[in-house]
N, C-alpha and C. Protein backbone atom coordinates (compact mmCIF):
# COMPACT_ATOMS: atom_id res chain seq x y z
N MET A 1 -42.57 -24.15 -10.92
CA MET A 1 -41.35 -24.61 -10.30
C MET A 1 -41.04 -23.71 -9.01
N ALA A 2 -40.68 -24.34 -7.94
CA ALA A 2 -40.37 -23.58 -6.70
C ALA A 2 -39.14 -22.79 -6.75
N SER A 3 -39.11 -21.72 -6.11
CA SER A 3 -37.93 -20.87 -6.01
C SER A 3 -36.89 -21.49 -5.15
N LEU A 4 -35.63 -21.32 -5.43
CA LEU A 4 -34.54 -21.93 -4.57
C LEU A 4 -34.23 -20.99 -3.44
N GLY A 5 -34.89 -19.81 -3.40
CA GLY A 5 -34.72 -18.99 -2.23
C GLY A 5 -33.27 -18.42 -2.27
N SER A 6 -32.59 -18.67 -1.10
CA SER A 6 -31.31 -18.06 -0.91
C SER A 6 -30.12 -18.92 -1.32
N PHE A 7 -30.37 -19.98 -2.16
CA PHE A 7 -29.33 -20.81 -2.59
C PHE A 7 -28.31 -20.08 -3.51
N HIS A 8 -27.04 -20.31 -3.23
CA HIS A 8 -25.95 -19.71 -4.02
C HIS A 8 -24.91 -20.77 -4.36
N ARG A 9 -24.35 -20.66 -5.44
CA ARG A 9 -23.31 -21.59 -5.79
C ARG A 9 -22.10 -21.54 -4.85
N PRO A 10 -21.50 -22.67 -4.48
CA PRO A 10 -20.30 -22.60 -3.61
C PRO A 10 -19.22 -21.73 -4.35
N GLY A 11 -18.65 -20.96 -3.54
CA GLY A 11 -17.54 -20.11 -4.11
C GLY A 11 -18.02 -18.73 -4.56
N SER A 12 -19.33 -18.53 -4.60
CA SER A 12 -19.80 -17.23 -5.06
C SER A 12 -19.70 -16.26 -3.94
N ARG A 13 -19.87 -15.00 -4.19
CA ARG A 13 -19.61 -13.98 -3.16
C ARG A 13 -20.58 -14.16 -1.96
N LYS A 14 -21.82 -14.67 -2.29
CA LYS A 14 -22.75 -14.81 -1.20
C LYS A 14 -22.71 -16.10 -0.48
N ASP A 15 -21.82 -16.97 -0.82
CA ASP A 15 -21.61 -18.33 -0.23
C ASP A 15 -21.08 -18.06 1.15
N ARG A 16 -21.73 -18.51 2.17
CA ARG A 16 -21.28 -18.39 3.59
C ARG A 16 -21.43 -19.77 4.32
N ARG A 17 -20.55 -20.05 5.18
CA ARG A 17 -20.63 -21.30 5.95
C ARG A 17 -21.05 -20.89 7.37
N ILE A 18 -22.05 -21.57 7.88
CA ILE A 18 -22.45 -21.25 9.27
C ILE A 18 -22.28 -22.51 10.12
N SER A 19 -21.72 -22.28 11.26
CA SER A 19 -21.48 -23.38 12.19
C SER A 19 -22.46 -23.17 13.29
N SER A 20 -23.18 -24.21 13.73
CA SER A 20 -24.06 -24.17 14.79
C SER A 20 -23.77 -25.24 15.82
N PRO A 21 -23.43 -24.88 17.04
CA PRO A 21 -23.07 -25.85 18.06
C PRO A 21 -24.15 -26.77 18.42
N SER A 22 -25.38 -26.43 18.24
CA SER A 22 -26.52 -27.30 18.59
C SER A 22 -27.13 -28.08 17.44
N GLY A 23 -26.48 -28.10 16.32
CA GLY A 23 -26.94 -28.76 15.19
C GLY A 23 -28.01 -28.03 14.35
N GLY A 24 -28.16 -26.76 14.56
CA GLY A 24 -29.08 -26.01 13.68
C GLY A 24 -30.45 -25.82 14.27
N THR A 25 -30.62 -26.18 15.58
CA THR A 25 -31.96 -25.94 16.18
C THR A 25 -32.18 -24.44 16.49
N ALA A 26 -33.42 -24.08 16.70
CA ALA A 26 -33.67 -22.70 16.91
C ALA A 26 -32.89 -22.06 18.06
N GLU A 27 -32.71 -22.81 19.09
CA GLU A 27 -31.94 -22.24 20.25
C GLU A 27 -30.50 -22.07 19.81
N GLY A 28 -29.98 -22.97 18.99
CA GLY A 28 -28.61 -22.79 18.57
C GLY A 28 -28.27 -21.72 17.48
N LEU A 29 -29.27 -21.26 16.79
CA LEU A 29 -29.04 -20.31 15.75
C LEU A 29 -28.45 -18.97 16.39
N ALA A 30 -28.92 -18.69 17.62
CA ALA A 30 -28.48 -17.47 18.20
C ALA A 30 -27.00 -17.50 18.45
N ALA A 31 -26.39 -18.68 18.63
CA ALA A 31 -25.01 -18.80 18.98
C ALA A 31 -24.15 -19.18 17.77
N THR A 32 -24.68 -18.98 16.50
CA THR A 32 -23.90 -19.31 15.31
C THR A 32 -22.90 -18.18 15.01
N ARG A 33 -21.97 -18.63 14.17
CA ARG A 33 -20.90 -17.68 13.78
C ARG A 33 -20.61 -17.90 12.32
N VAL A 34 -20.52 -16.88 11.56
CA VAL A 34 -20.23 -17.05 10.14
C VAL A 34 -18.73 -17.42 10.03
N ILE A 35 -18.48 -18.52 9.24
CA ILE A 35 -17.18 -19.00 9.07
C ILE A 35 -16.64 -18.57 7.73
N GLN A 36 -15.59 -17.93 7.67
CA GLN A 36 -14.96 -17.50 6.36
C GLN A 36 -13.84 -18.41 5.98
N ARG A 37 -13.79 -18.72 4.82
CA ARG A 37 -12.70 -19.58 4.29
C ARG A 37 -11.43 -18.71 4.14
N VAL A 38 -10.37 -19.10 4.76
CA VAL A 38 -9.04 -18.30 4.70
C VAL A 38 -8.02 -19.39 4.37
N TYR A 39 -7.37 -19.19 3.20
CA TYR A 39 -6.30 -20.03 2.88
C TYR A 39 -5.02 -19.74 3.57
N LEU A 40 -4.43 -20.69 4.31
CA LEU A 40 -3.26 -20.49 5.13
C LEU A 40 -2.00 -21.15 4.50
N GLY A 41 -2.15 -21.74 3.41
CA GLY A 41 -1.01 -22.44 2.76
C GLY A 41 -1.06 -23.97 2.98
N ALA A 42 0.05 -24.57 2.49
CA ALA A 42 0.11 -25.99 2.65
C ALA A 42 1.32 -26.29 3.68
N TYR A 43 1.00 -27.28 4.55
CA TYR A 43 1.94 -27.61 5.55
C TYR A 43 2.40 -29.11 5.46
N GLY A 44 3.51 -29.35 5.99
CA GLY A 44 4.15 -30.72 5.84
C GLY A 44 3.41 -31.83 6.57
N GLY A 45 2.66 -31.55 7.55
CA GLY A 45 1.89 -32.53 8.29
C GLY A 45 0.58 -31.98 8.92
N GLU A 46 -0.13 -32.94 9.50
CA GLU A 46 -1.35 -32.60 10.04
C GLU A 46 -1.22 -31.63 11.27
N GLU A 47 -0.22 -31.98 12.12
CA GLU A 47 -0.04 -31.13 13.31
C GLU A 47 0.26 -29.71 12.95
N ALA A 48 1.12 -29.48 12.01
CA ALA A 48 1.54 -28.08 11.63
C ALA A 48 0.28 -27.36 10.99
N ALA A 49 -0.51 -28.05 10.29
CA ALA A 49 -1.71 -27.43 9.75
C ALA A 49 -2.68 -27.11 10.79
N ALA A 50 -2.91 -28.06 11.79
CA ALA A 50 -3.79 -27.76 12.82
C ALA A 50 -3.37 -26.63 13.69
N ARG A 51 -2.02 -26.50 13.93
CA ARG A 51 -1.50 -25.38 14.73
C ARG A 51 -1.80 -24.09 13.99
N ALA A 52 -1.62 -24.02 12.62
CA ALA A 52 -1.82 -22.84 11.83
C ALA A 52 -3.33 -22.41 11.91
N TYR A 53 -4.22 -23.38 11.84
CA TYR A 53 -5.61 -22.99 11.99
C TYR A 53 -5.99 -22.64 13.42
N ASP A 54 -5.36 -23.22 14.44
CA ASP A 54 -5.64 -22.77 15.83
C ASP A 54 -5.20 -21.29 15.94
N LEU A 55 -4.06 -20.90 15.36
CA LEU A 55 -3.58 -19.52 15.46
C LEU A 55 -4.52 -18.52 14.71
N ARG A 56 -5.07 -19.01 13.58
CA ARG A 56 -5.94 -18.15 12.82
C ARG A 56 -7.26 -18.00 13.68
N ALA A 57 -7.71 -19.04 14.34
CA ALA A 57 -8.93 -18.98 15.12
C ALA A 57 -8.65 -18.03 16.37
N LEU A 58 -7.58 -18.14 16.92
CA LEU A 58 -7.21 -17.15 18.06
C LEU A 58 -7.16 -15.69 17.66
N LYS A 59 -6.65 -15.48 16.43
CA LYS A 59 -6.62 -14.12 15.97
C LYS A 59 -7.97 -13.56 15.68
N TYR A 60 -8.90 -14.40 15.02
CA TYR A 60 -10.23 -13.98 14.68
C TYR A 60 -11.24 -13.95 15.84
N TRP A 61 -11.14 -14.91 16.72
CA TRP A 61 -12.16 -15.06 17.71
C TRP A 61 -11.66 -14.98 19.17
N GLY A 62 -10.38 -14.84 19.38
CA GLY A 62 -9.93 -14.66 20.74
C GLY A 62 -9.66 -15.95 21.52
N HIS A 63 -9.40 -15.83 22.82
CA HIS A 63 -8.89 -16.90 23.63
C HIS A 63 -10.01 -17.91 24.07
N ASP A 64 -11.30 -17.53 23.81
CA ASP A 64 -12.39 -18.47 24.15
C ASP A 64 -12.77 -19.40 23.06
N THR A 65 -12.03 -19.43 21.95
CA THR A 65 -12.38 -20.27 20.87
C THR A 65 -11.91 -21.64 21.15
N ILE A 66 -12.52 -22.70 20.43
CA ILE A 66 -12.04 -24.06 20.73
C ILE A 66 -10.83 -24.32 19.78
N LEU A 67 -9.86 -24.95 20.48
CA LEU A 67 -8.54 -25.18 19.81
C LEU A 67 -8.22 -26.61 19.83
N ASP A 68 -7.31 -27.12 18.94
CA ASP A 68 -6.91 -28.40 18.87
C ASP A 68 -5.79 -28.75 19.92
N PHE A 69 -5.00 -27.70 20.32
CA PHE A 69 -3.96 -27.83 21.24
C PHE A 69 -4.13 -26.84 22.43
N LEU A 70 -3.46 -27.06 23.51
CA LEU A 70 -3.63 -26.12 24.69
C LEU A 70 -3.19 -24.68 24.30
N LEU A 71 -3.95 -23.77 24.90
CA LEU A 71 -3.68 -22.39 24.74
C LEU A 71 -2.30 -21.95 25.14
N SER A 72 -1.82 -22.67 26.24
CA SER A 72 -0.46 -22.40 26.78
C SER A 72 0.71 -22.67 25.87
N SER A 73 0.44 -23.48 24.88
CA SER A 73 1.43 -23.96 23.83
C SER A 73 1.66 -22.82 22.87
N TYR A 74 0.84 -21.73 22.82
CA TYR A 74 0.92 -20.66 21.94
C TYR A 74 1.39 -19.34 22.48
N ASP A 75 2.09 -19.35 23.70
CA ASP A 75 2.46 -18.16 24.34
C ASP A 75 3.35 -17.20 23.43
N GLN A 76 4.32 -17.75 22.81
CA GLN A 76 5.16 -16.90 21.97
C GLN A 76 4.40 -16.34 20.76
N GLU A 77 3.55 -17.16 20.13
CA GLU A 77 2.79 -16.74 18.97
C GLU A 77 1.76 -15.66 19.37
N LEU A 78 1.15 -15.75 20.61
CA LEU A 78 0.19 -14.74 20.99
C LEU A 78 0.85 -13.43 21.23
N LYS A 79 2.10 -13.37 21.62
CA LYS A 79 2.78 -12.02 21.75
C LYS A 79 2.96 -11.43 20.37
N GLU A 80 3.48 -12.29 19.40
CA GLU A 80 3.65 -11.78 18.06
C GLU A 80 2.31 -11.42 17.45
N MET A 81 1.24 -12.14 17.71
CA MET A 81 -0.12 -11.90 17.12
C MET A 81 -0.59 -10.48 17.57
N GLU A 82 -0.38 -10.12 18.84
CA GLU A 82 -0.91 -8.89 19.26
C GLU A 82 -0.44 -7.61 18.60
N GLU A 83 0.74 -7.72 17.96
CA GLU A 83 1.37 -6.57 17.41
C GLU A 83 0.97 -6.46 15.93
N GLN A 84 0.18 -7.32 15.44
CA GLN A 84 -0.14 -7.31 13.95
C GLN A 84 -1.74 -7.35 13.78
N SER A 85 -2.14 -6.80 12.62
CA SER A 85 -3.48 -6.78 12.19
C SER A 85 -3.84 -8.16 11.77
N ARG A 86 -5.13 -8.51 11.51
CA ARG A 86 -5.54 -9.79 11.04
C ARG A 86 -4.78 -10.14 9.75
N GLU A 87 -4.89 -9.21 8.83
CA GLU A 87 -4.31 -9.42 7.45
C GLU A 87 -2.78 -9.63 7.58
N GLU A 88 -2.14 -8.94 8.35
CA GLU A 88 -0.64 -9.06 8.56
C GLU A 88 -0.38 -10.39 9.13
N TYR A 89 -1.11 -10.87 10.18
CA TYR A 89 -0.85 -12.09 10.80
C TYR A 89 -1.15 -13.29 9.92
N ILE A 90 -2.30 -13.26 9.09
CA ILE A 90 -2.52 -14.31 8.16
C ILE A 90 -1.48 -14.41 7.19
N GLY A 91 -0.99 -13.20 6.65
CA GLY A 91 0.21 -13.21 5.68
C GLY A 91 1.32 -13.96 6.33
N SER A 92 1.61 -13.66 7.62
CA SER A 92 2.84 -14.34 8.28
C SER A 92 2.64 -15.84 8.36
N LEU A 93 1.36 -16.32 8.66
CA LEU A 93 1.08 -17.67 8.64
C LEU A 93 1.32 -18.34 7.29
N ARG A 94 0.85 -17.71 6.26
CA ARG A 94 1.13 -18.17 4.89
C ARG A 94 2.52 -18.27 4.52
N ARG A 95 3.33 -17.26 5.00
CA ARG A 95 4.77 -17.36 4.68
C ARG A 95 5.49 -18.48 5.46
N LYS A 96 4.89 -18.98 6.54
CA LYS A 96 5.50 -20.04 7.30
C LYS A 96 5.15 -21.42 6.69
N SER A 97 4.20 -21.44 5.74
CA SER A 97 3.80 -22.70 5.13
C SER A 97 4.90 -23.22 4.18
N THR A 98 4.78 -24.47 3.86
CA THR A 98 5.79 -25.16 2.99
C THR A 98 5.73 -24.71 1.53
N CYS A 99 4.64 -24.12 1.18
CA CYS A 99 4.46 -23.78 -0.23
C CYS A 99 4.86 -22.34 -0.62
N PHE A 100 5.33 -21.61 0.42
CA PHE A 100 5.60 -20.20 0.17
C PHE A 100 6.86 -20.01 -0.52
């Protein structure tokens, strides 16, 4: 029987999601980024959830990341974000969700 190599169960500690802009080709693997799952809470609508995930992306990857909305629509949040660590800011996003 062949070895499964680096296969891990979803949800296990070694489970990692990798995003590749070029669809996984050799050239695109250099530009990959490990994606971590971070729970931000439940939101009342798609737009509110998309904004929360945009803010998380900005905190983790900076202003060059791909967003659903214009960067200029987050001016106030960017000022708040600069004063907090990642963990503190993710906690504040969770507290703003509808299920907190």
